Amino acid sequence: SGSFAGACGMAVGYPMDTVKVRIQTQNQFTGVWQCTRA
């Protein structure tokens, strides 16, 4: 059940995780909305 739960959670949160990683590592992104739009 933990395996299925983790996969479902990742599917829900992956887009925001991408924005999070880019903000953390790349100075060209100045905020959540700017990164999302770009």
PDB file of all heavy atoms in Angstrom:
ATOM      1  N   SER A   1       0.831  -1.212   0.000  1.00  0.00           N
ATOM      2  CA  SER A   1       0.000   0.000   0.000  1.00  0.00           C
ATOM      3  C   SER A   1       0.864   1.260   0.000  1.00  0.00           C
ATOM      4  O   SER A   1       0.495   2.274  -0.612  1.00  0.00           O
ATOM      5  CB  SER A   1      -0.940   0.000   1.208  1.00  0.00           C
ATOM      6  OG  SER A   1      -0.234  -0.201   2.408  1.00  0.00           O
ATOM      7  N   GLY A   2       2.023   1.206   0.653  1.00  0.00           N
ATOM      8  CA  GLY A   2       2.938   2.344   0.644  1.00  0.00           C
ATOM      9  C   GLY A   2       3.442   2.661  -0.747  1.00  0.00           C
ATOM     10  O   GLY A   2       3.627   3.821  -1.115  1.00  0.00           O
ATOM     11  N   SER A   3       3.652   1.619  -1.546  1.00  0.00           N
ATOM     12  CA  SER A   3       4.122   1.803  -2.919  1.00  0.00           C
ATOM     13  C   SER A   3       3.098   2.572  -3.754  1.00  0.00           C
ATOM     14  O   SER A   3       3.434   3.550  -4.434  1.00  0.00           O
ATOM     15  CB  SER A   3       4.387   0.431  -3.556  1.00  0.00           C
ATOM     16  OG  SER A   3       4.736   0.557  -4.913  1.00  0.00           O
ATOM     17  N   PHE A   4       1.841   2.157  -3.700  1.00  0.00           N
ATOM     18  CA  PHE A   4       0.786   2.836  -4.459  1.00  0.00           C
ATOM     19  C   PHE A   4       0.544   4.251  -3.930  1.00  0.00           C
ATOM     20  O   PHE A   4       0.302   5.176  -4.706  1.00  0.00           O
ATOM     21  CB  PHE A   4      -0.510   2.024  -4.400  1.00  0.00           C
ATOM     22  CG  PHE A   4      -0.513   0.833  -5.307  1.00  0.00           C
ATOM     23  CD1 PHE A   4      -0.191  -0.431  -4.830  1.00  0.00           C
ATOM     24  CD2 PHE A   4      -0.822   0.963  -6.657  1.00  0.00           C
ATOM     25  CE1 PHE A   4      -0.176  -1.538  -5.661  1.00  0.00           C
ATOM     26  CE2 PHE A   4      -0.814  -0.137  -7.504  1.00  0.00           C
ATOM     27  CZ  PHE A   4      -0.490  -1.396  -7.006  1.00  0.00           C
ATOM     28  N   ALA A   5       0.618   4.416  -2.625  1.00  0.00           N
ATOM     29  CA  ALA A   5       0.396   5.729  -2.017  1.00  0.00           C
ATOM     30  C   ALA A   5       1.453   6.725  -2.488  1.00  0.00           C
ATOM     31  O   ALA A   5       1.141   7.874  -2.826  1.00  0.00           O
ATOM     32  CB  ALA A   5       0.413   5.613  -0.496  1.00  0.00           C
ATOM     33  N   GLY A   6       2.715   6.290  -2.522  1.00  0.00           N
ATOM     34  CA  GLY A   6       3.794   7.171  -2.964  1.00  0.00           C
ATOM     35  C   GLY A   6       3.645   7.586  -4.410  1.00  0.00           C
ATOM     36  O   GLY A   6       3.870   8.751  -4.770  1.00  0.00           O
ATOM     37  N   ALA A   7       3.263   6.633  -5.271  1.00  0.00           N
ATOM     38  CA  ALA A   7       3.087   6.934  -6.695  1.00  0.00           C
ATOM     39  C   ALA A   7       1.949   7.938  -6.905  1.00  0.00           C
ATOM     40  O   ALA A   7       2.074   8.875  -7.714  1.00  0.00           O
ATOM     41  CB  ALA A   7       2.812   5.648  -7.469  1.00  0.00           C
ATOM     42  N   CYS A   8       0.857   7.757  -6.190  1.00  0.00           N
ATOM     43  CA  CYS A   8      -0.281   8.682  -6.308  1.00  0.00           C
ATOM     44  C   CYS A   8       0.104  10.075  -5.828  1.00  0.00           C
ATOM     45  O   CYS A   8      -0.257  11.088  -6.453  1.00  0.00           O
ATOM     46  CB  CYS A   8      -1.468   8.169  -5.505  1.00  0.00           C
ATOM     47  SG  CYS A   8      -2.232   6.674  -6.183  1.00  0.00           S
ATOM     48  N   GLY A   9       0.854  10.139  -4.735  1.00  0.00           N
ATOM     49  CA  GLY A   9       1.290  11.425  -4.210  1.00  0.00           C
ATOM     50  C   GLY A   9       2.207  12.154  -5.177  1.00  0.00           C
ATOM     51  O   GLY A   9       2.094  13.367  -5.368  1.00  0.00           O
ATOM     52  N   MET A  10       3.111  11.423  -5.808  1.00  0.00           N
ATOM     53  CA  MET A  10       4.031  12.048  -6.767  1.00  0.00           C
ATOM     54  C   MET A  10       3.267  12.608  -7.960  1.00  0.00           C
ATOM     55  O   MET A  10       3.570  13.707  -8.442  1.00  0.00           O
ATOM     56  CB  MET A  10       5.072  11.049  -7.248  1.00  0.00           C
ATOM     57  CG  MET A  10       5.859  11.536  -8.459  1.00  0.00           C
ATOM     58  SD  MET A  10       7.420  10.700  -8.716  1.00  0.00           S
ATOM     59  CE  MET A  10       8.493  11.746  -7.744  1.00  0.00           C
ATOM     60  N   ALA A  11       2.292  11.856  -8.454  1.00  0.00           N
ATOM     61  CA  ALA A  11       1.515  12.315  -9.604  1.00  0.00           C
ATOM     62  C   ALA A  11       0.811  13.637  -9.301  1.00  0.00           C
ATOM     63  O   ALA A  11       0.728  14.522 -10.155  1.00  0.00           O
ATOM     64  CB  ALA A  11       0.486  11.253  -9.993  1.00  0.00           C
ATOM     65  N   VAL A  12       0.336  13.796  -8.071  1.00  0.00           N
ATOM     66  CA  VAL A  12      -0.362  15.015  -7.674  1.00  0.00           C
ATOM     67  C   VAL A  12       0.603  16.191  -7.536  1.00  0.00           C
ATOM     68  O   VAL A  12       0.305  17.314  -7.959  1.00  0.00           O
ATOM     69  CB  VAL A  12      -1.106  14.799  -6.335  1.00  0.00           C
ATOM     70  CG1 VAL A  12      -1.645  16.121  -5.792  1.00  0.00           C
ATOM     71  CG2 VAL A  12      -2.240  13.809  -6.521  1.00  0.00           C
ATOM     72  N   GLY A  13       1.779  15.942  -6.969  1.00  0.00           N
ATOM     73  CA  GLY A  13       2.675  17.044  -6.621  1.00  0.00           C
ATOM     74  C   GLY A  13       3.805  17.351  -7.578  1.00  0.00           C
ATOM     75  O   GLY A  13       4.541  18.316  -7.367  1.00  0.00           O
ATOM     76  N   TYR A  14       3.954  16.577  -8.657  1.00  0.00           N
ATOM     77  CA  TYR A  14       5.133  16.734  -9.508  1.00  0.00           C
ATOM     78  C   TYR A  14       5.264  18.114 -10.157  1.00  0.00           C
ATOM     79  O   TYR A  14       6.367  18.671 -10.190  1.00  0.00           O
ATOM     80  CB  TYR A  14       5.169  15.646 -10.586  1.00  0.00           C
ATOM     81  CG  TYR A  14       6.550  15.441 -11.162  1.00  0.00           C
ATOM     82  CD1 TYR A  14       7.468  14.596 -10.540  1.00  0.00           C
ATOM     83  CD2 TYR A  14       6.951  16.107 -12.319  1.00  0.00           C
ATOM     84  CE1 TYR A  14       8.735  14.416 -11.054  1.00  0.00           C
ATOM     85  CE2 TYR A  14       8.221  15.935 -12.830  1.00  0.00           C
ATOM     86  CZ  TYR A  14       9.106  15.087 -12.207  1.00  0.00           C
ATOM     87  OH  TYR A  14      10.376  14.918 -12.714  1.00  0.00           O
ATOM     88  N   PRO A  15       4.201  18.697 -10.715  1.00  0.00           N
ATOM     89  CA  PRO A  15       4.363  20.029 -11.321  1.00  0.00           C
ATOM     90  C   PRO A  15       4.919  21.071 -10.352  1.00  0.00           C
ATOM     91  O   PRO A  15       5.818  21.844 -10.704  1.00  0.00           O
ATOM     92  CB  PRO A  15       2.930  20.380 -11.756  1.00  0.00           C
ATOM     93  CG  PRO A  15       2.284  19.059 -11.988  1.00  0.00           C
ATOM     94  CD  PRO A  15       2.839  18.167 -10.912  1.00  0.00           C
ATOM     95  N   MET A  16       4.410  21.088  -9.118  1.00  0.00           N
ATOM     96  CA  MET A  16       4.916  22.044  -8.130  1.00  0.00           C
ATOM     97  C   MET A  16       6.325  21.688  -7.690  1.00  0.00           C
ATOM     98  O   MET A  16       7.119  22.565  -7.337  1.00  0.00           O
ATOM     99  CB  MET A  16       3.971  22.111  -6.928  1.00  0.00           C
ATOM    100  CG  MET A  16       2.711  22.922  -7.187  1.00  0.00           C
ATOM    101  SD  MET A  16       1.716  23.183  -5.698  1.00  0.00           S
ATOM    102  CE  MET A  16       0.892  21.597  -5.579  1.00  0.00           C
ATOM    103  N   ASP A  17       6.678  20.407  -7.732  1.00  0.00           N
ATOM    104  CA  ASP A  17       8.036  19.989  -7.398  1.00  0.00           C
ATOM    105  C   ASP A  17       9.022  20.522  -8.430  1.00  0.00           C
ATOM    106  O   ASP A  17      10.132  20.937  -8.077  1.00  0.00           O
ATOM    107  CB  ASP A  17       8.119  18.462  -7.334  1.00  0.00           C
ATOM    108  CG  ASP A  17       9.479  17.979  -6.862  1.00  0.00           C
ATOM    109  OD1 ASP A  17       9.811  18.208  -5.685  1.00  0.00           O
ATOM    110  OD2 ASP A  17      10.222  17.388  -7.671  1.00  0.00           O
ATOM    111  N   THR A  18       8.630  20.519  -9.697  1.00  0.00           N
ATOM    112  CA  THR A  18       9.489  21.066 -10.757  1.00  0.00           C
ATOM    113  C   THR A  18       9.750  22.546 -10.521  1.00  0.00           C
ATOM    114  O   THR A  18      10.902  23.012 -10.619  1.00  0.00           O
ATOM    115  CB  THR A  18       8.825  20.865 -12.135  1.00  0.00           C
ATOM    116  OG1 THR A  18       8.685  19.463 -12.383  1.00  0.00           O
ATOM    117  CG2 THR A  18       9.655  21.496 -13.244  1.00  0.00           C
ATOM    118  N   VAL A  19       8.711  23.297 -10.201  1.00  0.00           N
ATOM    119  CA  VAL A  19       8.868  24.723  -9.912  1.00  0.00           C
ATOM    120  C   VAL A  19       9.770  24.922  -8.702  1.00  0.00           C
ATOM    121  O   VAL A  19      10.665  25.785  -8.703  1.00  0.00           O
ATOM    122  CB  VAL A  19       7.484  25.374  -9.670  1.00  0.00           C
ATOM    123  CG1 VAL A  19       7.646  26.827  -9.222  1.00  0.00           C
ATOM    124  CG2 VAL A  19       6.642  25.308 -10.932  1.00  0.00           C
ATOM    125  N   LYS A  20       9.584  24.099  -7.686  1.00  0.00           N
ATOM    126  CA  LYS A  20      10.388  24.191  -6.463  1.00  0.00           C
ATOM    127  C   LYS A  20      11.873  23.994  -6.744  1.00  0.00           C
ATOM    128  O   LYS A  20      12.729  24.769  -6.314  1.00  0.00           O
ATOM    129  CB  LYS A  20       9.900  23.152  -5.462  1.00  0.00           C
ATOM    130  CG  LYS A  20      10.642  23.127  -4.142  1.00  0.00           C
ATOM    131  CD  LYS A  20      11.585  21.974  -3.930  1.00  0.00           C
ATOM    132  CE  LYS A  20      11.090  20.610  -4.248  1.00  0.00           C
ATOM    133  NZ  LYS A  20      12.058  19.550  -3.925  1.00  0.00           N
ATOM    134  N   VAL A  21      12.201  22.956  -7.499  1.00  0.00           N
ATOM    135  CA  VAL A  21      13.602  22.642  -7.805  1.00  0.00           C
ATOM    136  C   VAL A  21      14.240  23.765  -8.613  1.00  0.00           C
ATOM    137  O   VAL A  21      15.390  24.147  -8.372  1.00  0.00           O
ATOM    138  CB  VAL A  21      13.702  21.303  -8.561  1.00  0.00           C
ATOM    139  CG1 VAL A  21      15.116  21.087  -9.099  1.00  0.00           C
ATOM    140  CG2 VAL A  21      13.326  20.152  -7.641  1.00  0.00           C
ATOM    141  N   ARG A  22      13.509  24.312  -9.573  1.00  0.00           N
ATOM    142  CA  ARG A  22      14.070  25.388 -10.401  1.00  0.00           C
ATOM    143  C   ARG A  22      14.331  26.651  -9.590  1.00  0.00           C
ATOM    144  O   ARG A  22      15.346  27.330  -9.785  1.00  0.00           O
ATOM    145  CB  ARG A  22      13.124  25.680 -11.574  1.00  0.00           C
ATOM    146  CG  ARG A  22      13.077  24.539 -12.580  1.00  0.00           C
ATOM    147  CD  ARG A  22      12.251  24.855 -13.814  1.00  0.00           C
ATOM    148  NE  ARG A  22      12.371  23.775 -14.789  1.00  0.00           N
ATOM    149  CZ  ARG A  22      11.925  23.840 -16.030  1.00  0.00           C
ATOM    150  NH1 ARG A  22      11.313  24.932 -16.453  1.00  0.00           N
ATOM    151  NH2 ARG A  22      12.086  22.813 -16.855  1.00  0.00           N
ATOM    152  N   ILE A  23      13.429  26.964  -8.672  1.00  0.00           N
ATOM    153  CA  ILE A  23      13.623  28.141  -7.823  1.00  0.00           C
ATOM    154  C   ILE A  23      14.840  27.957  -6.918  1.00  0.00           C
ATOM    155  O   ILE A  23      15.611  28.895  -6.683  1.00  0.00           O
ATOM    156  CB  ILE A  23      12.357  28.409  -6.983  1.00  0.00           C
ATOM    157  CG1 ILE A  23      11.220  28.902  -7.876  1.00  0.00           C
ATOM    158  CG2 ILE A  23      12.635  29.440  -5.892  1.00  0.00           C
ATOM    159  CD1 ILE A  23       9.899  29.041  -7.157  1.00  0.00           C
ATOM    160  N   GLN A  24      15.026  26.739  -6.424  1.00  0.00           N
ATOM    161  CA  GLN A  24      16.137  26.458  -5.518  1.00  0.00           C
ATOM    162  C   GLN A  24      17.503  26.540  -6.194  1.00  0.00           C
ATOM    163  O   GLN A  24      18.494  26.879  -5.562  1.00  0.00           O
ATOM    164  CB  GLN A  24      15.974  25.056  -4.911  1.00  0.00           C
ATOM    165  CG  GLN A  24      14.885  24.937  -3.874  1.00  0.00           C
ATOM    166  CD  GLN A  24      14.745  23.512  -3.362  1.00  0.00           C
ATOM    167  OE1 GLN A  24      15.175  22.563  -4.008  1.00  0.00           O
ATOM    168  NE2 GLN A  24      14.135  23.359  -2.200  1.00  0.00           N
ATOM    169  N   THR A  25      17.553  26.206  -7.472  1.00  0.00           N
ATOM    170  CA  THR A  25      18.852  26.006  -8.126  1.00  0.00           C
ATOM    171  C   THR A  25      19.205  27.018  -9.209  1.00  0.00           C
ATOM    172  O   THR A  25      20.364  27.103  -9.597  1.00  0.00           O
ATOM    173  CB  THR A  25      18.908  24.602  -8.762  1.00  0.00           C
ATOM    174  OG1 THR A  25      17.836  24.472  -9.714  1.00  0.00           O
ATOM    175  CG2 THR A  25      18.773  23.521  -7.707  1.00  0.00           C
ATOM    176  N   GLN A  26      18.239  27.783  -9.711  1.00  0.00           N
ATOM    177  CA  GLN A  26      18.515  28.675 -10.836  1.00  0.00           C
ATOM    178  C   GLN A  26      18.066  30.102 -10.529  1.00  0.00           C
ATOM    179  O   GLN A  26      16.885  30.352 -10.268  1.00  0.00           O
ATOM    180  CB  GLN A  26      17.811  28.160 -12.103  1.00  0.00           C
ATOM    181  CG  GLN A  26      18.258  26.743 -12.486  1.00  0.00           C
ATOM    182  CD  GLN A  26      17.587  26.265 -13.752  1.00  0.00           C
ATOM    183  OE1 GLN A  26      17.474  26.999 -14.736  1.00  0.00           O
ATOM    184  NE2 GLN A  26      17.127  25.013 -13.748  1.00  0.00           N
ATOM    185  N   ASN A  27      19.013  31.016 -10.568  1.00  0.00           N
ATOM    186  CA  ASN A  27      18.740  32.408 -10.206  1.00  0.00           C
ATOM    187  C   ASN A  27      17.864  33.132 -11.228  1.00  0.00           C
ATOM    188  O   ASN A  27      17.367  34.221 -10.943  1.00  0.00           O
ATOM    189  CB  ASN A  27      20.056  33.168 -10.027  1.00  0.00           C
ATOM    190  CG  ASN A  27      20.821  32.696  -8.802  1.00  0.00           C
ATOM    191  OD1 ASN A  27      20.224  32.278  -7.816  1.00  0.00           O
ATOM    192  ND2 ASN A  27      22.139  32.754  -8.854  1.00  0.00           N
ATOM    193  N   GLN A  28      17.682  32.553 -12.415  1.00  0.00           N
ATOM    194  CA  GLN A  28      16.836  33.183 -13.422  1.00  0.00           C
ATOM    195  C   GLN A  28      15.371  33.179 -13.019  1.00  0.00           C
ATOM    196  O   GLN A  28      14.563  33.935 -13.556  1.00  0.00           O
ATOM    197  CB  GLN A  28      17.004  32.466 -14.769  1.00  0.00           C
ATOM    198  CG  GLN A  28      16.411  31.057 -14.808  1.00  0.00           C
ATOM    199  CD  GLN A  28      16.773  30.308 -16.069  1.00  0.00           C
ATOM    200  OE1 GLN A  28      17.876  29.808 -16.237  1.00  0.00           O
ATOM    201  NE2 GLN A  28      15.816  30.237 -16.977  1.00  0.00           N
ATOM    202  N   PHE A  29      15.029  32.325 -12.055  1.00  0.00           N
ATOM    203  CA  PHE A  29      13.659  32.265 -11.557  1.00  0.00           C
ATOM    204  C   PHE A  29      13.586  32.981 -10.215  1.00  0.00           C
ATOM    205  O   PHE A  29      14.249  32.593  -9.252  1.00  0.00           O
ATOM    206  CB  PHE A  29      13.202  30.819 -11.418  1.00  0.00           C
ATOM    207  CG  PHE A  29      13.235  30.057 -12.727  1.00  0.00           C
ATOM    208  CD1 PHE A  29      14.095  28.991 -12.901  1.00  0.00           C
ATOM    209  CD2 PHE A  29      12.416  30.421 -13.781  1.00  0.00           C
ATOM    210  CE1 PHE A  29      14.140  28.288 -14.095  1.00  0.00           C
ATOM    211  CE2 PHE A  29      12.448  29.738 -14.981  1.00  0.00           C
ATOM    212  CZ  PHE A  29      13.317  28.670 -15.151  1.00  0.00           C
ATOM    213  N   THR A  30      12.769  34.030 -10.163  1.00  0.00           N
ATOM    214  CA  THR A  30      12.739  34.884  -8.974  1.00  0.00           C
ATOM    215  C   THR A  30      11.587  34.583  -8.028  1.00  0.00           C
ATOM    216  O   THR A  30      11.551  35.096  -6.914  1.00  0.00           O
ATOM    217  CB  THR A  30      12.638  36.359  -9.411  1.00  0.00           C
ATOM    218  OG1 THR A  30      11.483  36.525 -10.243  1.00  0.00           O
ATOM    219  CG2 THR A  30      13.885  36.759 -10.208  1.00  0.00           C
ATOM    220  N   GLY A  31      10.633  33.776  -8.459  1.00  0.00           N
ATOM    221  CA  GLY A  31       9.499  33.459  -7.602  1.00  0.00           C
ATOM    222  C   GLY A  31       8.638  32.378  -8.217  1.00  0.00           C
ATOM    223  O   GLY A  31       8.866  31.948  -9.354  1.00  0.00           O
ATOM    224  N   VAL A  32       7.639  31.965  -7.466  1.00  0.00           N
ATOM    225  CA  VAL A  32       6.787  30.858  -7.903  1.00  0.00           C
ATOM    226  C   VAL A  32       6.038  31.195  -9.181  1.00  0.00           C
ATOM    227  O   VAL A  32       6.065  30.437 -10.161  1.00  0.00           O
ATOM    228  CB  VAL A  32       5.772  30.493  -6.789  1.00  0.00           C
ATOM    229  CG1 VAL A  32       4.790  29.438  -7.298  1.00  0.00           C
ATOM    230  CG2 VAL A  32       6.499  29.990  -5.553  1.00  0.00           C
ATOM    231  N   TRP A  33       5.368  32.354  -9.213  1.00  0.00           N
ATOM    232  CA  TRP A  33       4.551  32.696 -10.372  1.00  0.00           C
ATOM    233  C   TRP A  33       5.408  33.005 -11.589  1.00  0.00           C
ATOM    234  O   TRP A  33       5.063  32.626 -12.718  1.00  0.00           O
ATOM    235  CB  TRP A  33       3.629  33.880 -10.045  1.00  0.00           C
ATOM    236  CG  TRP A  33       2.679  33.575  -8.931  1.00  0.00           C
ATOM    237  CD1 TRP A  33       2.605  34.184  -7.719  1.00  0.00           C
ATOM    238  CD2 TRP A  33       1.677  32.553  -8.933  1.00  0.00           C
ATOM    239  NE1 TRP A  33       1.632  33.603  -6.944  1.00  0.00           N
ATOM    240  CE2 TRP A  33       1.041  32.603  -7.663  1.00  0.00           C
ATOM    241  CE3 TRP A  33       1.259  31.607  -9.857  1.00  0.00           C
ATOM    242  CZ2 TRP A  33       0.007  31.744  -7.312  1.00  0.00           C
ATOM    243  CZ3 TRP A  33       0.235  30.736  -9.514  1.00  0.00           C
ATOM    244  CH2 TRP A  33      -0.390  30.818  -8.264  1.00  0.00           C
ATOM    245  N   GLN A  34       6.537  33.678 -11.369  1.00  0.00           N
ATOM    246  CA  GLN A  34       7.431  33.978 -12.491  1.00  0.00           C
ATOM    247  C   GLN A  34       7.990  32.694 -13.087  1.00  0.00           C
ATOM    248  O   GLN A  34       8.069  32.534 -14.314  1.00  0.00           O
ATOM    249  CB  GLN A  34       8.570  34.885 -12.005  1.00  0.00           C
ATOM    250  CG  GLN A  34       9.512  35.355 -13.112  1.00  0.00           C
ATOM    251  CD  GLN A  34      10.715  34.448 -13.285  1.00  0.00           C
ATOM    252  OE1 GLN A  34      11.059  33.689 -12.388  1.00  0.00           O
ATOM    253  NE2 GLN A  34      11.348  34.524 -14.460  1.00  0.00           N
ATOM    254  N   CYS A  35       8.361  31.745 -12.239  1.00  0.00           N
ATOM    255  CA  CYS A  35       8.884  30.463 -12.705  1.00  0.00           C
ATOM    256  C   CYS A  35       7.801  29.665 -13.433  1.00  0.00           C
ATOM    257  O   CYS A  35       8.061  29.058 -14.482  1.00  0.00           O
ATOM    258  CB  CYS A  35       9.424  29.658 -11.519  1.00  0.00           C
ATOM    259  SG  CYS A  35      10.106  28.051 -11.968  1.00  0.00           S
ATOM    260  N   THR A  36       6.596  29.684 -12.887  1.00  0.00           N
ATOM    261  CA  THR A  36       5.483  28.961 -13.510  1.00  0.00           C
ATOM    262  C   THR A  36       5.183  29.519 -14.898  1.00  0.00           C
ATOM    263  O   THR A  36       5.025  28.773 -15.868  1.00  0.00           O
ATOM    264  CB  THR A  36       4.223  29.049 -12.626  1.00  0.00           C
ATOM    265  OG1 THR A  36       4.514  28.506 -11.331  1.00  0.00           O
ATOM    266  CG2 THR A  36       3.072  28.272 -13.250  1.00  0.00           C
ATOM    267  N   ARG A  37       5.105  30.862 -15.001  1.00  0.00           N
ATOM    268  CA  ARG A  37       4.826  31.490 -16.292  1.00  0.00           C
ATOM    269  C   ARG A  37       5.932  31.211 -17.299  1.00  0.00           C
ATOM    270  O   ARG A  37       5.661  30.878 -18.456  1.00  0.00           O
ATOM    271  CB  ARG A  37       4.653  33.008 -16.115  1.00  0.00           C
ATOM    272  CG  ARG A  37       3.340  33.425 -15.503  1.00  0.00           C
ATOM    273  CD  ARG A  37       3.089  34.920 -15.716  1.00  0.00           C
ATOM    274  NE  ARG A  37       4.217  35.720 -15.228  1.00  0.00           N
ATOM    275  CZ  ARG A  37       4.319  36.194 -13.992  1.00  0.00           C
ATOM    276  NH1 ARG A  37       3.356  35.931 -13.111  1.00  0.00           N
ATOM    277  NH2 ARG A  37       5.347  36.930 -13.630  1.00  0.00           N
ATOM    278  N   ALA A  38       7.181  31.350 -16.853  1.00  0.00           N
ATOM    279  CA  ALA A  38       8.310  31.144 -17.756  1.00  0.00           C
ATOM    280  C   ALA A  38       8.377  29.701 -18.251  1.00  0.00           C
ATOM    281  O   ALA A  38       8.647  29.439 -19.430  1.00  0.00           O
ATOM    282  CB  ALA A  38       9.616  31.515 -17.046  1.00  0.00           C
TER     283      ALA A  38
END
